Structures are given as C-alpha cells and as structure tokens.
C-alpha cells in the first residue's frame, strides 16, 4: 500500500480522491490546514505529498520551502490556480509535478505511480558517495545534506565542514577549537559537545534513520557514511 499525504481544504474533493485512489492501493491521509500537514510530515512517513495551493493561513507556494527544509518527499501540486507563474514558482521551489484542477482522478493515480517509479530507480542513499550526501560549498559557507540546505550557525558550519574534510577520520575536540574561525578561544570542550548535538538534531530532521556523527570515546567525533 502506497501511503500519501494530501493537504487540501476542500474535504469533499479530498474524500472523492481518497476513495478513488484506494482502489489502486494508495492510502491517503488528509490535512485540512497547512501547519497540520507540516506536522504530520515531520512525524509520519509518507511516500508522496499532494498539495493544494490556496490554503487557510499559508499559501501552498510558501509551504513548499518549509517542507524542503527537512524532507525531499515528492510533491504533486493539485490546484485550481492555472496561472503559469504559479506553476513555475511551484516547480522552482521544489515541487515535482503540477496538476491543474479539474482533472480526472485517473490522471492523478498515473502521475503518482510515475513519480514513485522514477524515485525507486534513483540510486539509494546507502550507495551514494559521501560527497553526494554532504555537499560542502566553502566559498558560500554552505552545506547540503541529501540535497537539503542546512541552516547552520558559523560555528556549526565549521565543525561539520571539518568532519566532512576529515573523510571519516576521528577529529578531536581540541582540533575543532584550533581550526574553527567561529568558535571562541574561551569556549570549553563541553560547548563542542553541545554544538555537535545541535548538528545531529538538524540532520535527523532530514534523515532520522541513521546517525552520521559518531562519538570517539575520550577523543572527539567522526563522520560515518555507509
């Protein structure tokens, strides 16, 4: 059974689509409000998101970047807004497809299956190289994790970039202090542990199945990528 989340405030339409898709082994959970849908995405595991644009409290175009901060779930926009600008903005912000209403539910089913087939044929994260999982841009002082731009403090950026460049080697807490330009010289080794914990939390919002930063007892940390 394919598990899908639909963020749609037209509950009558959502019920019609849910009943139809169930015939094709697609189970749909519905969120009427965008922030509820956002919370459901953070807590539960879905294979695809169907997103309306005209929502109460937050436009769907504004919701997409919030989702992309922690998830690369495939997104199909399902909207009565047929303005080409909406379509372009939706795709540029991270949506995978745009389906203007009204449409035949059969087309929605076909697009869901097509996107998921394409995703299944992509190399799994376990087979990606480390540099593809962690993309370090030193010029911009940015790090992407599995395609998602991480929001890091300058000190957190320094710690994670040092781990990435160490290529799986153990990095001592002292080395973080010496090599970082953004950690105060007066910072204690305990502060390193706090910042590493914050980085782990940010990584877990994107991938909570794996722990990438491992402690080296009595020494420091190392970055482990299978």
Protein backbone atom coordinates (compact mmCIF):
# COMPACT_ATOMS: atom_id res chain seq x y z
CA UNK A 1 0.00 0.00 0.00
CA UNK A 2 1.38 3.41 -1.00
CA UNK A 3 0.98 5.96 1.80
CA UNK A 4 0.23 9.52 0.63
CA UNK A 5 -0.49 12.77 2.45
CA UNK A 6 -2.91 15.27 0.91
CA UNK A 7 -3.00 18.86 2.15
CA UNK A 8 -6.36 20.05 0.85
CA UNK A 9 -9.03 22.26 2.46
CA UNK A 10 -11.80 21.03 0.12
CA UNK A 11 -12.75 17.99 2.19
CA UNK A 12 -15.40 16.82 -0.29
CA UNK A 13 -12.80 16.67 -3.07
CA UNK A 14 -10.30 15.05 -0.73
CA UNK A 15 -12.79 12.33 0.16
CA UNK A 16 -13.59 11.63 -3.51
CA UNK A 17 -9.92 11.37 -4.43
CA UNK A 18 -9.10 9.25 -1.36
CA UNK A 19 -11.82 6.72 -2.16
CA UNK A 20 -10.75 6.53 -5.78
CA UNK A 21 -7.04 6.13 -5.07
CA UNK A 22 -7.70 3.41 -2.52
CA UNK A 23 -8.79 1.17 -5.43
CA UNK A 24 -5.20 1.38 -6.68
CA UNK A 25 -3.60 0.56 -3.31
CA UNK A 26 -2.93 4.20 -2.50
CA UNK A 27 -3.85 5.13 1.06
CA UNK A 28 -4.45 8.86 1.56
CA UNK A 29 -4.36 10.80 4.81
CA UNK A 30 -5.80 14.32 4.63
CA UNK A 31 -4.75 17.52 6.40
CA UNK A 32 -7.17 20.42 6.03
CA UNK A 33 -4.71 23.08 7.21
CA UNK A 34 -1.09 23.62 6.07
CA UNK A 35 0.53 23.67 9.51
CA UNK A 36 -1.23 20.45 10.49
CA UNK A 37 0.06 18.90 7.27
CA UNK A 38 3.57 20.13 8.05
CA UNK A 39 3.42 18.49 11.49
CA UNK A 40 2.14 15.24 10.00
CA UNK A 41 5.06 15.19 7.55
CA UNK A 42 7.55 15.65 10.38
CA UNK A 43 6.08 12.84 12.47
CA UNK A 44 4.90 10.25 9.93
CA UNK A 45 6.44 8.60 6.89
CA UNK A 46 4.74 9.21 3.55
CA UNK A 47 5.85 8.32 0.04
CA UNK A 48 4.30 11.34 -1.68
CA UNK A 49 2.50 14.61 -0.97
CA UNK A 50 -0.47 16.04 -2.89
CA UNK A 51 -0.59 19.77 -2.19
CA UNK A 52 -3.27 22.37 -2.85
CA UNK A 53 -2.06 25.97 -3.17
CA UNK A 54 -4.99 28.01 -1.87
CA UNK A 55 -4.94 27.06 1.81
CA UNK A 56 -6.08 28.80 5.01
CA UNK A 57 -3.31 30.57 6.87
CA UNK A 58 -0.44 29.82 4.50
CA UNK A 59 -0.24 29.64 0.72
CA UNK A 60 0.96 26.32 -0.69
CA UNK A 61 3.81 28.07 -2.52
CA UNK A 62 5.10 29.29 0.85
CA UNK A 63 4.69 25.82 2.36
CA UNK A 64 6.96 24.07 -0.15
CA UNK A 65 10.24 25.69 1.06
CA UNK A 66 9.32 24.83 4.66
CA UNK A 67 8.88 21.19 3.65
CA UNK A 68 12.15 21.17 1.73
CA UNK A 69 14.00 22.25 4.88
CA UNK A 70 13.61 18.72 6.25
CA UNK A 71 12.19 16.44 3.55
CA UNK A 72 12.72 15.55 -0.11
CA UNK A 73 9.31 13.86 -0.40
CA UNK A 74 7.89 14.01 -3.96
CA UNK A 75 5.25 16.76 -4.24
CA UNK A 76 2.39 16.97 -6.74
CA UNK A 77 0.64 20.34 -6.73
CA UNK A 78 -3.11 19.92 -7.22
CA UNK A 79 -4.59 23.38 -7.72
CA UNK A 80 -7.39 25.29 -9.41
CA UNK A 81 -4.92 28.12 -9.98
CA UNK A 82 -3.81 27.74 -13.60
CA UNK A 83 -1.55 30.83 -13.75
CA UNK A 84 1.71 29.83 -15.42
CA UNK A 85 3.61 31.84 -12.79
CA UNK A 86 2.16 29.65 -10.02
CA UNK A 87 3.27 26.56 -11.91
CA UNK A 88 6.78 27.89 -12.50
CA UNK A 89 7.18 29.04 -8.89
CA UNK A 90 5.89 25.73 -7.57
CA UNK A 91 8.36 23.72 -9.62
CA UNK A 92 11.24 26.08 -8.85
CA UNK A 93 10.57 25.82 -5.12
CA UNK A 94 10.77 22.05 -5.16
CA UNK A 95 7.51 20.51 -6.42
CA UNK A 96 7.83 17.55 -8.79
CA UNK A 97 4.61 17.97 -10.80
CA UNK A 98 1.68 20.37 -11.26
CA UNK A 99 -1.84 19.13 -11.95
CA UNK A 100 -4.43 21.89 -12.62
CA UNK A 101 -7.99 21.28 -11.37
CA UNK A 102 -10.35 19.96 -12.53
CA UNK A 103 -8.74 16.70 -13.62
CA UNK A 104 -9.64 13.05 -13.92
CA UNK A 105 -8.60 11.13 -10.77
CA UNK A 106 -7.16 8.50 -13.10
CA UNK A 107 -4.56 11.02 -14.23
CA UNK A 108 -3.60 11.73 -10.61
CA UNK A 109 -3.16 8.00 -9.98
CA UNK A 110 -0.96 7.68 -13.07
CA UNK A 111 1.22 10.62 -12.07
CA UNK A 112 1.68 9.26 -8.54
CA UNK A 113 2.82 5.89 -9.88
CA UNK A 114 5.11 7.53 -12.47
CA UNK A 115 6.87 9.73 -9.92
CA UNK A 116 7.33 6.87 -7.46
CA UNK A 117 8.71 4.59 -10.19
CA UNK A 118 11.23 7.26 -11.12
CA UNK A 119 12.20 7.73 -7.49
CA UNK A 120 12.60 3.97 -7.00
CA UNK A 121 15.06 3.84 -9.90
CA UNK A 122 17.30 6.51 -8.35
CA UNK A 123 20.40 5.27 -6.50
CA UNK A 124 19.61 4.66 -2.84
CA UNK A 125 21.28 6.82 -0.22
CA UNK A 126 23.22 3.81 1.02
CA UNK A 127 25.05 3.63 -2.32
CA UNK A 128 25.79 7.32 -2.69
CA UNK A 129 29.26 8.61 -2.09
CA UNK A 130 29.95 10.74 0.94
CA UNK A 131 30.42 13.87 -1.14
CA UNK A 132 26.95 13.36 -2.64
CA UNK A 133 25.33 13.06 0.78
CA UNK A 134 27.23 16.01 2.23
CA UNK A 135 27.87 18.78 -0.31
CA UNK A 136 30.35 21.33 1.02
CA UNK A 137 30.49 24.77 -0.59
CA UNK A 138 33.33 26.56 1.16
CA UNK A 139 33.01 29.75 -0.91
CA UNK A 140 29.41 30.25 0.20
CA UNK A 141 29.95 28.63 3.63
CA UNK A 142 27.05 26.28 2.93
CA UNK A 143 26.50 22.56 3.42
CA UNK A 144 23.78 20.50 1.80
CA UNK A 145 22.72 17.19 3.31
CA UNK A 146 20.97 14.83 0.89
CA UNK A 147 20.16 17.82 -1.29
CA UNK A 148 18.77 19.92 1.58
CA UNK A 149 20.50 23.16 2.54
CA UNK A 150 21.32 23.05 6.25
CA UNK A 151 20.69 26.10 8.41
CA UNK A 152 23.86 26.25 10.50
CA UNK A 153 25.49 28.81 12.75
CA UNK A 154 29.04 29.75 11.69
CA UNK A 155 30.46 27.56 14.48
CA UNK A 156 28.27 24.60 13.48
CA UNK A 157 29.35 25.06 9.87
CA UNK A 158 33.00 24.92 10.93
CA UNK A 159 32.50 21.72 12.93
CA UNK A 160 30.61 19.89 10.20
CA UNK A 161 32.96 21.04 7.42
CA UNK A 162 35.98 19.83 9.42
CA UNK A 163 34.29 16.44 9.86
CA UNK A 164 33.49 16.22 6.13
CA UNK A 165 37.05 17.10 5.10
CA UNK A 166 38.43 14.54 7.56
CA UNK A 167 36.86 11.76 5.43
CA UNK A 168 35.80 9.50 8.26
CA UNK A 169 38.79 10.19 10.48
CA UNK A 170 38.39 10.96 14.18
CA UNK A 171 38.50 14.69 14.95
CA UNK A 172 39.47 15.70 18.47
CA UNK A 173 37.59 18.37 20.37
CA UNK A 174 40.82 20.35 20.61
CA UNK A 175 41.15 20.32 16.83
CA UNK A 176 37.69 21.84 16.44
CA UNK A 177 38.79 24.68 18.73
CA UNK A 178 42.08 25.23 16.90
CA UNK A 179 40.76 25.05 13.32
CA UNK A 180 37.47 26.90 13.70
CA UNK A 181 37.40 30.61 12.98
CA UNK A 182 33.99 30.98 14.61
CA UNK A 183 34.40 29.21 17.94
CA UNK A 184 35.65 31.48 20.71
CA UNK A 185 39.02 30.56 22.11
CA UNK A 186 37.44 30.65 25.56
CA UNK A 187 34.86 28.01 24.63
CA UNK A 188 35.05 24.85 26.68
CA UNK A 189 35.26 21.38 25.22
CA UNK A 190 31.74 20.88 26.58
CA UNK A 191 30.49 23.57 24.19
CA UNK A 192 31.77 21.43 21.30
CA UNK A 193 29.53 18.60 22.50
CA UNK A 194 26.53 20.95 22.62
CA UNK A 195 27.14 22.19 19.07
CA UNK A 196 27.61 18.64 17.75
CA UNK A 197 24.31 17.69 19.39
CA UNK A 198 22.59 20.58 17.58
CA UNK A 199 24.05 19.48 14.25
CA UNK A 200 22.82 15.93 14.85
CA UNK A 201 19.32 17.26 15.55
CA UNK A 202 19.31 19.16 12.25
CA UNK A 203 20.50 16.09 10.33
CA UNK A 204 17.86 13.90 11.99
CA UNK A 205 15.08 16.16 10.70
CA UNK A 206 16.12 15.09 7.20
CA UNK A 207 17.15 11.50 7.96
CA UNK A 208 16.11 10.09 11.32
CA UNK A 209 17.03 6.52 10.38
CA UNK A 210 20.81 6.97 10.56
CA UNK A 211 23.28 8.63 12.90
CA UNK A 212 26.12 10.16 10.92
CA UNK A 213 28.22 11.78 13.63
CA UNK A 214 29.66 9.16 15.99
CA UNK A 215 31.50 9.86 19.25
CA UNK A 216 35.04 8.60 19.65
CA UNK A 217 35.22 7.94 23.39
CA UNK A 218 37.53 10.33 25.18
CA UNK A 219 38.71 11.97 21.95
CA UNK A 220 36.09 13.62 19.78
CA UNK A 221 33.88 12.72 16.82
CA UNK A 222 33.93 11.20 13.36
CA UNK A 223 31.59 11.37 10.39
CA UNK A 224 30.41 7.93 9.28
CA UNK A 225 28.69 7.47 5.90
CA UNK A 226 27.94 3.93 4.70
